[in-house]
C-alpha atoms as a PDB file:
ATOM      1  CA  MET A   1     103.173 116.217  97.415  1.00  0.00           C
ATOM      2  CA  ILE A   2     104.657 112.804  96.641  1.00  0.00           C
ATOM      3  CA  TRP A   3     106.742 112.891  99.661  1.00  0.00           C
ATOM      4  CA  ILE A   4     103.480 113.095 101.935  1.00  0.00           C
ATOM      5  CA  LEU A   5     102.444 109.468  99.890  1.00  0.00           C
ATOM      6  CA  LYS A   6     105.357 108.031 100.633  1.00  0.00           C
ATOM      7  CA  PHE A   7     105.311 108.767 104.381  1.00  0.00           C
ATOM      8  CA  PHE A   8     102.194 107.860 104.772  1.00  0.00           C
ATOM      9  CA  VAL A   9     102.460 104.226 103.156  1.00  0.00           C
ATOM     10  CA  SER A  10     105.949 104.135 104.935  1.00  0.00           C
ATOM     11  CA  SER A  11     104.158 104.814 108.331  1.00  0.00           C
ATOM     12  CA  LEU A  12     101.274 102.714 107.326  1.00  0.00           C
ATOM     13  CA  LEU A  13     104.055  99.664 107.105  1.00  0.00           C
ATOM     14  CA  MET A  14     105.677 100.570 109.901  1.00  0.00           C
ATOM     15  CA  PHE A  15     102.177 100.601 111.689  1.00  0.00           C
ATOM     16  CA  CYS A  16     101.572  97.042 110.483  1.00  0.00           C
ATOM     17  CA  LEU A  17     104.982  95.860 110.904  1.00  0.00           C
ATOM     18  CA  ILE A  18     105.357  96.721 115.013  1.00  0.00           C
ATOM     19  CA  LEU A  19     101.347  95.571 115.254  1.00  0.00           C
ATOM     20  CA  PHE A  20     102.621  92.199 113.952  1.00  0.00           C
ATOM     21  CA  GLY A  21     105.356  91.787 115.991  1.00  0.00           C
ATOM     22  CA  VAL A  22     103.474  92.617 119.214  1.00  0.00           C
ATOM     23  CA  PHE A  23     100.733  89.856 118.287  1.00  0.00           C
ATOM     24  CA  ASN A  24     103.678  87.428 117.979  1.00  0.00           C
ATOM     25  CA  SER A  25     106.037  88.157 120.519  1.00  0.00           C
ATOM     26  CA  HIS A  26     105.637  84.548 122.015  1.00  0.00           C
ATOM     27  CA  LYS A  27     108.967  82.641 122.352  1.00  0.00           C
ATOM     28  CA  ILE A  28     109.069  79.866 120.307  1.00  0.00           C
ATOM     29  CA  ASP A  29     111.895  76.991 119.547  1.00  0.00           C
ATOM     30  CA  VAL A  30     114.672  76.870 116.870  1.00  0.00           C
ATOM     31  CA  TYR A  31     116.487  73.945 117.021  1.00  0.00           C
ATOM     32  CA  LEU A  32     119.588  74.773 114.471  1.00  0.00           C
ATOM     33  CA  TYR A  33     121.027  71.303 113.610  1.00  0.00           C
ATOM     34  CA  PRO A  34     119.998  67.882 114.834  1.00  0.00           C
ATOM     35  CA  ASN A  35     121.039  66.852 118.182  1.00  0.00           C
ATOM     36  CA  ILE A  36     123.435  63.777 117.369  1.00  0.00           C
ATOM     37  CA  LEU A  37     126.373  64.687 119.434  1.00  0.00           C
ATOM     38  CA  ASN A  38     124.046  65.496 122.624  1.00  0.00           C
ATOM     39  CA  SER A  39     125.392  68.643 122.952  1.00  0.00           C
ATOM     40  CA  GLU A  40     123.223  71.818 123.743  1.00  0.00           C
ATOM     41  CA  PHE A  41     125.827  74.905 122.759  1.00  0.00           C
ATOM     42  CA  PHE A  42     124.084  76.641 119.998  1.00  0.00           C
ATOM     43  CA  TYR A  43     121.555  73.474 119.807  1.00  0.00           C
ATOM     44  CA  LEU A  44     118.078  75.460 120.663  1.00  0.00           C
ATOM     45  CA  LEU A  45     117.445  78.881 120.425  1.00  0.00           C
ATOM     46  CA  ASN A  46     114.451  80.489 121.846  1.00  0.00           C
ATOM     47  CA  VAL A  47     113.667  83.367 119.499  1.00  0.00           C
ATOM     48  CA  PRO A  48     110.330  85.517 119.240  1.00  0.00           C
ATOM     49  CA  LEU A  49     108.311  84.425 116.467  1.00  0.00           C
ATOM     50  CA  TYR A  50     108.302  88.146 114.584  1.00  0.00           C
ATOM     51  CA  LEU A  51     112.010  88.018 114.380  1.00  0.00           C
ATOM     52  CA  ILE A  52     111.819  84.177 112.686  1.00  0.00           C
ATOM     53  CA  VAL A  53     109.322  85.824 110.056  1.00  0.00           C
ATOM     54  CA  ILE A  54     111.308  88.958 109.245  1.00  0.00           C
ATOM     55  CA  PHE A  55     114.299  86.756 109.111  1.00  0.00           C
ATOM     56  CA  SER A  56     112.834  84.520 106.533  1.00  0.00           C
ATOM     57  CA  ILE A  57     111.141  87.703 104.434  1.00  0.00           C
ATOM     58  CA  PHE A  58     114.938  89.037 104.176  1.00  0.00           C
ATOM     59  CA  ILE A  59     116.732  86.273 103.125  1.00  0.00           C
ATOM     60  CA  GLY A  60     114.185  85.303 100.542  1.00  0.00           C
ATOM     61  CA  PHE A  61     114.242  89.221  99.395  1.00  0.00           C
ATOM     62  CA  ILE A  62     118.074  88.607  98.987  1.00  0.00           C
ATOM     63  CA  LEU A  63     117.867  84.905  97.504  1.00  0.00           C
ATOM     64  CA  GLY A  64     115.581  86.627  94.886  1.00  0.00           C
ATOM     65  CA  CYS A  65     117.644  89.704  94.068  1.00  0.00           C
ATOM     66  CA  ILE A  66     120.881  87.509  93.495  1.00  0.00           C
ATOM     67  CA  LEU A  67     118.897  85.102  91.236  1.00  0.00           C
ATOM     68  CA  GLU A  68     117.222  87.711  88.898  1.00  0.00           C
ATOM     69  CA  ASN A  69     120.427  89.560  89.061  1.00  0.00           C
ATOM     70  CA  VAL A  70     122.204  85.888  87.542  1.00  0.00           C
ATOM     71  CA  ARG A  71     119.364  85.358  84.906  1.00  0.00           C
ATOM     72  CA  SER A  72     119.589  88.992  83.835  1.00  0.00           C
ATOM     73  CA  TYR A  73     123.454  88.543  83.369  1.00  0.00           C
ATOM     74  CA  LYS A  74     122.606  87.053  79.773  1.00  0.00           C
ATOM     75  CA  ILE A  75     120.600  89.243  78.785  1.00  0.00           C
ATOM     76  CA  ARG A  76     123.318  92.482  79.559  1.00  0.00           C
ATOM     77  CA  ARG A  77     126.151  90.303  78.096  1.00  0.00           C
ATOM     78  CA  PHE A  78     124.147  90.176  75.139  1.00  0.00           C
ATOM     79  CA  LEU A  79     123.411  93.680  74.661  1.00  0.00           C
ATOM     80  CA  LYS A  80     127.058  94.447  75.248  1.00  0.00           C
ATOM     81  CA  ARG A  81     127.730  92.307  72.500  1.00  0.00           C
ATOM     82  CA  ARG A  82     125.017  93.768  70.254  1.00  0.00           C
ATOM     83  CA  ASN A  83     125.933  97.502  71.168  1.00  0.00           C
ATOM     84  CA  LYS A  84     129.675  96.956  70.368  1.00  0.00           C
ATOM     85  CA  GLU A  85     128.953  95.302  66.867  1.00  0.00           C
ATOM     86  CA  LEU A  86     126.715  98.289  65.969  1.00  0.00           C
ATOM     87  CA  HIS A  87     129.227 100.636  67.435  1.00  0.00           C
ATOM     88  CA  LYS A  88     131.566  98.822  64.844  1.00  0.00           C
ATOM     89  CA  ARG A  89     129.228  99.201  61.443  1.00  0.00           C
ATOM     90  CA  HIS A  90     128.743 103.014  62.653  1.00  0.00           C
ATOM     91  CA  ILE A  91     132.134 103.272  62.138  1.00  0.00           C
ATOM     92  CA  GLU A  92     132.614 101.513  59.128  1.00  0.00           C
ATOM     93  CA  LEU A  93     129.610 103.318  57.628  1.00  0.00           C
ATOM     94  CA  GLN A  94     131.184 106.865  58.634  1.00  0.00           C
ATOM     95  CA  ASN A  95     134.674 105.496  56.862  1.00  0.00           C
ATOM     96  CA  LEU A  96     132.266 105.020  53.752  1.00  0.00           C
ATOM     97  CA  LYS A  97     131.055 108.082  53.559  1.00  0.00           C
ATOM     98  CA  LYS A  98     134.497 109.145  53.896  1.00  0.00           C
ATOM     99  CA  LYS A  99     135.770 107.513  51.169  1.00  0.00           C
ATOM    100  CA  LEU A 100     132.769 107.792  48.776  1.00  0.00           C
ATOM    101  CA  ASP A 101     131.048 111.099  47.808  1.00  0.00           C
ATOM    102  CA  PRO A 102     127.645 110.645  49.294  1.00  0.00           C
ATOM    103  CA  GLN A 103     125.860 113.058  46.415  1.00  0.00           C
ATOM    104  CA  ASN A 104     126.994 111.027  43.796  1.00  0.00           C
ATOM    105  CA  ASP A 105     126.138 107.431  44.964  1.00  0.00           C
ATOM    106  CA  LYS A 106     122.274 107.091  45.276  1.00  0.00           C
ATOM    107  CA  LEU A 107     122.453 104.685  48.227  1.00  0.00           C
ATOM    108  CA  LEU A 108     124.556 106.240  50.422  1.00  0.00           C
ATOM    109  CA  SER A 109     122.119 109.371  49.890  1.00  0.00           C
ATOM    110  CA  LEU A 110     119.579 107.367  51.205  1.00  0.00           C
ATOM    111  CA  LEU A 111     121.188 106.083  54.651  1.00  0.00           C
ATOM    112  CA  GLU A 112     121.422 110.039  55.438  1.00  0.00           C
END
């Protein structure tokens, strides 16, 4: 049932993208760099507007993913360090349980 909804949404999105491309198919001039050297080689591109818009959205998505990954790196590093400390404490607790008899010690019996 969910695949029908996914198919419908993706078909609608593809239709909107094609419709956007048809309405914005006129060519525009894109200047890649300032014409300081008076060269015409790769100075000017004549491309459809929808390619510029789709390329800009793609670059924005990639840049957003990279920035989010960099932001969450600190959190992942902190959680990994905390997880190692927790594992170390768990091993210490297991060693203490082996040394002491948990039935005779009131504090260890509360931990169980």
